[in-house]
Protein backbone atom coordinates (compact mmCIF):
# COMPACT_ATOMS: atom_id res chain seq x y z
CA MET A 1 140.75 51.29 129.20
CA SER A 2 138.11 54.00 128.73
CA PHE A 3 136.08 55.64 131.17
CA PRO A 4 132.26 55.78 131.05
CA THR A 5 131.04 59.32 130.57
CA ASN A 6 128.34 60.82 132.56
CA SER A 7 125.76 63.03 130.75
CA ARG A 8 123.69 63.59 133.74
CA PRO A 9 124.57 66.98 134.62
CA GLN A 10 123.86 68.31 131.15
CA LEU A 11 120.57 66.37 131.07
CA GLY A 12 119.78 67.83 134.57
CA PHE A 13 120.44 71.37 133.56
CA ILE A 14 118.02 70.83 130.47
CA ARG A 15 115.31 69.34 132.66
CA LYS A 16 115.64 72.45 134.84
CA TYR A 17 115.53 74.92 132.22
CA PRO A 18 112.16 76.64 132.48
CA VAL A 19 109.83 75.78 129.89
CA ASP A 20 107.93 79.21 129.97
CA LEU A 21 111.08 81.09 129.25
CA ALA A 22 112.24 78.47 126.45
CA LEU A 23 108.83 79.18 124.97
CA THR A 24 109.16 83.02 125.38
CA SER A 25 112.70 83.10 123.55
CA LEU A 26 111.66 80.54 120.74
CA LEU A 27 108.36 82.69 120.33
CA ALA A 28 110.24 85.92 120.20
CA ALA A 29 112.62 84.76 117.69
CA LEU A 30 109.70 83.44 115.65
CA VAL A 31 107.80 86.61 115.71
CA ALA A 32 110.85 88.48 114.60
CA LEU A 33 111.42 86.21 111.40
CA VAL A 34 107.62 86.73 110.50
CA VAL A 35 107.87 90.40 110.89
CA THR A 36 110.93 91.00 108.95
CA GLY A 37 109.99 88.16 106.27
CA VAL A 38 106.41 88.98 105.66
CA PRO A 39 105.47 92.15 103.43
CA ALA A 40 104.07 95.27 104.95
CA GLY A 41 100.28 95.54 105.02
CA ASN A 42 99.87 91.75 105.54
CA ALA A 43 97.32 91.03 108.31
CA GLY A 44 99.17 87.91 109.71
CA ARG A 45 102.30 90.17 110.11
CA LEU A 46 100.35 92.50 112.44
CA LEU A 47 98.83 89.68 114.68
CA ALA A 48 102.21 87.90 114.69
CA ALA A 49 103.64 91.19 116.18
CA LEU A 50 101.04 91.35 119.16
CA PRO A 51 102.71 89.04 121.69
CA LEU A 52 106.13 91.08 121.16
CA VAL A 53 104.54 94.18 121.60
CA LEU A 54 102.12 93.47 124.52
CA PHE A 55 103.36 90.71 126.55
CA LEU A 56 107.02 88.90 125.58
CA PRO A 57 109.26 91.37 126.74
CA GLY A 58 107.55 92.20 129.91
CA TYR A 59 107.33 88.74 130.91
CA ALA A 60 111.00 88.13 130.62
CA LEU A 61 111.82 91.15 132.43
CA VAL A 62 109.39 90.00 135.18
CA SER A 63 111.04 86.75 135.25
CA VAL A 64 114.46 88.47 136.30
CA LEU A 65 112.75 90.74 138.82
CA PHE A 66 110.78 88.00 140.29
CA PRO A 67 112.23 84.59 140.16
CA ALA A 68 110.43 83.16 143.14
CA ALA A 69 106.84 82.08 143.42
CA ALA A 70 104.26 83.49 145.73
CA ARG A 71 104.57 82.11 149.28
CA ASP A 72 101.73 80.98 151.27
CA ALA A 73 100.89 83.81 154.04
CA ARG A 74 101.09 81.49 157.07
CA ALA A 75 104.55 80.28 155.87
CA ASP A 76 105.98 83.72 155.36
CA ALA A 77 105.02 84.52 159.23
CA GLU A 78 106.78 81.54 160.16
CA THR A 79 109.81 82.48 158.23
CA ALA A 80 109.93 86.05 158.53
CA ILE A 81 113.26 86.38 159.86
CA GLU A 82 114.67 84.19 157.12
CA ARG A 83 116.03 85.89 153.97
CA ARG A 84 114.13 84.29 151.18
CA PRO A 85 113.55 85.62 147.85
CA ARG A 86 110.24 87.79 147.09
CA GLY A 87 107.82 86.24 144.91
CA ILE A 88 104.48 87.25 142.93
CA ASP A 89 101.66 84.87 142.37
CA THR A 90 100.61 84.28 138.64
CA ILE A 91 97.77 86.73 138.19
CA GLU A 92 100.49 89.53 139.22
CA ARG A 93 103.04 88.17 137.00
CA LEU A 94 100.89 88.35 134.12
CA GLY A 95 99.58 92.09 134.79
CA LEU A 96 103.23 93.11 135.15
CA SER A 97 104.20 91.43 132.11
CA PHE A 98 101.72 93.40 130.20
CA ALA A 99 102.53 96.69 131.98
CA LEU A 100 106.13 96.54 131.47
CA SER A 101 106.01 95.40 127.92
CA ILE A 102 103.80 98.75 127.37
CA ALA A 103 106.64 100.48 128.88
CA ILE A 104 109.46 98.87 127.10
CA VAL A 105 108.14 99.46 123.71
CA PRO A 106 108.09 103.26 123.67
CA VAL A 107 111.68 103.28 125.03
CA VAL A 108 112.67 101.24 122.00
CA GLY A 109 110.83 103.39 119.94
CA ILE A 110 112.69 106.57 121.28
CA VAL A 111 116.20 104.90 121.17
CA LEU A 112 115.98 103.35 117.66
CA PRO A 113 116.04 106.76 115.67
CA LEU A 114 119.40 107.49 117.36
CA THR A 115 121.13 104.42 115.94
CA GLN A 116 122.25 103.60 112.40
CA TRP A 117 119.10 101.12 112.06
CA GLY A 118 116.44 104.05 112.40
CA LEU A 119 113.14 103.28 113.47
CA ALA A 120 111.17 100.79 111.24
CA THR A 121 109.05 98.01 111.75
CA GLU A 122 111.79 95.18 110.91
CA SER A 123 114.32 97.02 113.31
CA ALA A 124 111.95 97.53 115.97
CA ALA A 125 110.82 93.69 115.93
CA ALA A 126 114.49 92.43 115.76
CA VAL A 127 115.62 94.59 118.69
CA LEU A 128 112.49 93.61 120.91
CA ALA A 129 112.99 90.04 120.03
CA GLY A 130 116.73 90.07 120.97
CA LEU A 131 115.95 92.19 124.25
CA THR A 132 113.30 89.37 125.27
CA VAL A 133 115.70 86.65 124.34
CA VAL A 134 118.43 88.21 126.64
CA LEU A 135 116.19 89.04 129.59
CA ALA A 136 114.97 85.44 129.48
CA GLN A 137 118.27 84.04 129.81
CA LEU A 138 118.82 86.32 132.58
CA GLY A 139 115.66 85.19 134.18
CA VAL A 140 116.76 81.36 133.60
CA ILE A 141 120.12 82.30 135.66
CA ARG A 142 117.92 84.08 138.36
CA ARG A 143 115.39 81.05 138.88
CA LEU A 144 118.16 78.32 138.84
CA ARG A 145 119.94 80.21 141.50
CA THR A 146 116.49 80.44 143.57
CA PRO A 147 116.04 77.51 146.19
CA ALA A 148 113.78 74.89 144.36
CA PRO A 149 111.12 75.16 147.00
CA ASP A 150 110.64 78.84 146.19
CA ARG A 151 111.29 78.72 142.56
CA PHE A 152 108.62 79.84 140.17
CA THR A 153 107.26 77.35 138.06
CA VAL A 154 104.47 77.22 135.51
CA SER A 155 101.72 75.00 136.71
CA LEU A 156 98.29 76.04 135.77
CA THR A 157 96.69 73.48 138.25
CA ALA A 158 99.15 74.84 140.93
CA ALA A 159 98.05 78.41 140.31
CA LEU A 160 94.52 77.76 140.34
CA ALA A 161 94.63 75.47 143.53
CA ARG A 162 96.85 78.55 145.41
CA LEU A 163 94.56 81.00 144.23
CA ARG A 164 91.41 79.19 145.68
CA ARG A 165 93.64 78.49 148.88
CA ASP A 166 95.26 81.73 149.75
CA GLU A 167 92.95 84.30 148.12
CA GLY A 168 89.24 85.30 148.57
CA THR A 169 86.87 85.77 146.00
CA VAL A 170 87.22 89.51 145.98
CA ALA A 171 90.98 89.50 145.77
CA THR A 172 90.99 86.87 143.07
CA ALA A 173 88.35 88.98 140.98
CA SER A 174 90.41 92.11 141.48
CA SER A 175 93.53 90.40 140.09
CA VAL A 176 91.75 89.15 137.19
CA PHE A 177 90.43 92.57 136.47
CA LEU A 178 93.89 94.02 137.04
CA VAL A 179 95.20 91.87 134.02
CA VAL A 180 92.17 92.52 131.78
CA ALA A 181 92.52 96.26 132.26
CA ILE A 182 96.20 96.23 131.45
CA ALA A 183 95.58 94.07 128.42
CA LEU A 184 92.92 96.40 127.24
CA ALA A 185 94.96 99.25 127.69
CA GLY A 186 97.91 97.81 125.76
CA GLY A 187 95.43 96.72 123.15
CA ALA A 188 94.11 100.45 122.84
CA LEU A 189 97.87 101.67 122.65
CA LEU A 190 98.77 99.30 119.83
CA VAL A 191 95.51 100.07 117.97
CA GLY A 192 96.51 103.63 118.28
CA PHE A 193 100.08 102.97 116.83
CA LEU A 194 98.90 100.54 113.94
CA PHE A 195 95.56 102.56 112.89
CA PRO A 196 95.93 106.16 113.58
CA ALA A 197 93.17 108.20 112.91
CA SER A 198 94.14 109.48 109.49
CA THR A 199 93.00 109.02 105.74
CA GLY A 200 95.50 106.65 105.38
CA GLY A 201 97.60 108.73 103.12
CA PHE A 202 98.56 112.33 102.10
CA SER A 203 100.11 114.28 99.20
CA GLU A 204 102.24 117.42 99.22
CA LEU A 205 102.79 119.96 96.39
CA ALA A 206 105.61 122.57 96.65
CA LEU A 207 106.47 125.12 94.27
CA TYR A 208 109.84 126.26 92.63
CA THR A 209 111.57 127.86 90.10
CA GLU A 210 115.10 127.54 88.28
CA ASP A 211 118.08 129.76 89.21
CA GLU A 212 120.82 130.68 86.86
CA ASP A 213 122.31 127.47 87.48
CA GLY A 214 119.25 125.32 86.38
CA ASP A 215 118.64 124.26 90.08
CA LEU A 216 115.39 124.25 91.50
CA VAL A 217 114.97 126.59 94.55
CA ALA A 218 112.03 128.04 96.37
CA GLY A 219 111.20 131.76 96.89
CA GLU A 220 112.74 132.91 93.65
CA LEU A 221 109.61 133.51 91.55
CA PRO A 222 109.33 136.88 89.76
CA ASP A 223 106.64 139.06 91.13
CA GLU A 224 106.19 141.16 88.12
CA VAL A 225 105.43 140.04 84.69
CA ALA A 226 104.56 142.19 81.39
CA PRO A 227 101.36 141.67 79.71
CA GLY A 228 101.38 138.68 77.47
CA GLU A 229 104.52 137.01 79.03
CA SER A 230 104.46 133.93 81.12
CA VAL A 231 106.07 132.83 84.31
CA PRO A 232 108.31 129.56 84.28
CA VAL A 233 106.95 127.64 87.30
CA SER A 234 108.25 124.21 88.42
CA PHE A 235 106.31 122.27 91.05
CA ALA A 236 106.82 118.93 92.94
CA ILE A 237 104.32 116.56 93.88
CA GLU A 238 105.31 113.94 96.96
CA ASN A 239 103.10 110.81 96.87
CA HIS A 240 102.55 109.36 100.31
CA GLU A 241 99.27 107.56 99.32
CA GLY A 242 100.88 104.42 99.90
CA GLU A 243 100.15 103.57 95.92
CA GLU A 244 100.70 104.97 92.49
CA THR A 245 98.41 107.90 91.98
CA SER A 246 97.37 110.08 89.29
CA TYR A 247 96.94 113.64 89.67
CA THR A 248 95.37 116.68 88.50
CA VAL A 249 97.01 120.02 89.16
CA VAL A 250 94.44 123.06 88.28
CA VAL A 251 96.18 126.46 87.81
CA GLN A 252 93.88 129.42 88.74
CA GLU A 253 94.44 133.15 88.53
CA GLN A 254 92.25 134.49 91.47
CA VAL A 255 91.33 138.15 92.36
CA LEU A 256 90.88 138.91 96.00
CA GLU A 257 89.42 141.65 98.00
CA ASP A 258 89.54 141.83 101.90
CA GLY A 259 91.37 138.32 101.80
CA GLU A 260 88.46 136.86 99.73
CA VAL A 261 88.27 135.33 96.44
CA VAL A 262 85.91 137.31 94.21
CA GLU A 263 87.20 136.18 90.66
CA ARG A 264 88.68 132.80 89.44
CA THR A 265 90.08 132.07 86.28
CA GLU A 266 91.18 128.71 85.30
CA LEU A 267 94.59 129.02 83.39
CA ARG A 268 95.15 125.23 82.60
CA GLN A 269 95.01 121.83 83.92
CA ILE A 270 98.10 119.41 84.43
CA ASP A 271 97.66 115.89 84.74
CA GLY A 272 100.43 113.21 85.74
CA THR A 273 101.09 110.15 87.65
CA VAL A 274 103.79 109.80 90.45
CA SER A 275 104.71 106.29 92.13
CA ALA A 276 104.29 105.34 95.72
CA ASP A 277 106.69 107.20 97.88
CA ALA A 278 107.99 109.18 95.00
CA THR A 279 108.44 112.76 94.33
CA GLY A 280 107.36 113.99 90.59
CA VAL A 281 108.66 117.28 89.39
CA ALA A 282 107.20 119.29 86.60
CA GLU A 283 107.78 122.51 84.79
CA HIS A 284 105.33 124.72 82.72
CA GLU A 285 104.65 128.34 81.72
CA ILE A 286 101.75 130.16 83.32
CA GLU A 287 100.63 133.24 81.74
CA PRO A 288 98.46 135.55 83.48
CA THR A 289 95.34 137.16 81.64
CA ALA A 290 95.10 140.07 84.19
CA GLY A 291 95.20 143.49 82.99
CA ASP A 292 98.09 146.07 83.10
CA GLY A 293 98.56 147.15 86.63
CA GLU A 294 96.38 144.49 88.31
CA THR A 295 97.77 142.04 91.07
CA VAL A 296 96.69 138.54 91.09
CA ARG A 297 97.10 135.42 92.95
CA ILE A 298 98.18 132.09 90.77
CA SER A 299 97.05 129.17 92.85
CA LEU A 300 97.95 125.75 92.10
CA LEU A 301 95.27 123.40 93.47
CA LEU A 302 96.28 119.51 93.71
CA TYR A 303 93.95 116.76 93.38
CA PRO A 304 94.45 112.80 93.34
CA GLY A 305 92.26 111.80 90.18
CA GLU A 306 89.68 114.20 88.84
CA PRO A 307 89.11 117.57 90.17
CA PRO A 308 85.72 118.73 91.17
CA ALA A 309 83.33 121.06 89.24
CA GLU A 310 84.46 124.03 91.20
CA PRO A 311 88.03 123.63 92.40
CA THR A 312 89.06 125.70 95.37
CA ASN A 313 91.94 126.27 97.78
CA GLU A 314 89.68 124.85 100.52
CA ASN A 315 88.68 121.39 98.61
CA ALA A 316 92.24 120.85 97.26
CA GLU A 317 94.18 117.87 98.78
CA ALA A 318 97.06 120.46 98.73
CA ASP A 319 97.61 123.80 97.31
CA THR A 320 100.41 126.40 96.87
CA TYR A 321 100.29 130.08 95.43
CA PHE A 322 102.37 132.95 94.13
CA TRP A 323 101.63 136.52 93.98
CA VAL A 324 102.30 138.48 90.45
CA THR A 325 101.50 141.96 89.22
CA VAL A 326 100.93 142.39 85.42
CA THR A 327 102.79 145.71 84.49
CA GLU A 328 104.35 147.43 81.27
CA ASP A 329 107.16 148.30 83.55
CA ALA A 330 108.31 144.46 83.95
CA ALA A 331 109.26 144.46 80.12
CA GLU A 332 111.83 147.38 80.54
């Protein structure tokens, strides 16, 4: 003899499961998959990240904090002595969702560098998505524990009817203005992170020399050299331009008076290519042309591509230099 099974409790739970929080969880997971699976620089990746940065985490948190819907003012007066869950209306819920998302994202950005994953687009998306899903499930529990008449449910027509019934034109307009203002502020913040005011890339130049063990060290260049002798110099170019870049390094001998360059002599030009996000190191001999007893500045001027007709420290992408005195005493 067999007993019939009853699946109504399970189906009842599924029917009661808040649709908005289910969609919030699914969308957060989908955005995380897109952000981690699509190559960097893709416009679709940036667009997909918008809801995860501006809305979803905050909406999930609001569902935990405010599981109830806004109540009619007359009903509140009649039941003031009753202990009922506090609710907010749809406009307030949307506004708080934007505001809390804007607050959550910087916190994640501060905490991630302290973890083994570090601060990266992929790790940030994964953490935000995971946090959103967890908060959404807590929100589900909070809502299902709220009495059905007070529980917040997603219904656009009901929300519009409630706005027309309970709020005046000024109150409704101010609520809409609040949401729009927060959305614009969040959008401006996101644009600031995604498109910072910069040229989009940069390069760095550093000067080294070899020690007795053959290792590159900074600050060990000779400050004296005999006439006709050269100085062994190593320099490193760090390419942060975002793509493989061809460089030209112009080596100048400069005579200064009162801090101003009064004479320039180009000693040589060095060409090379460095891969994106890589460091290129080169070693060359530089021979000053100054006379005995003269102190000159040897400047290395870095230019992506071809240098200008008159290279200077001011128009170089990056520059570095060292001082050297040409003297017969250095030969002793």
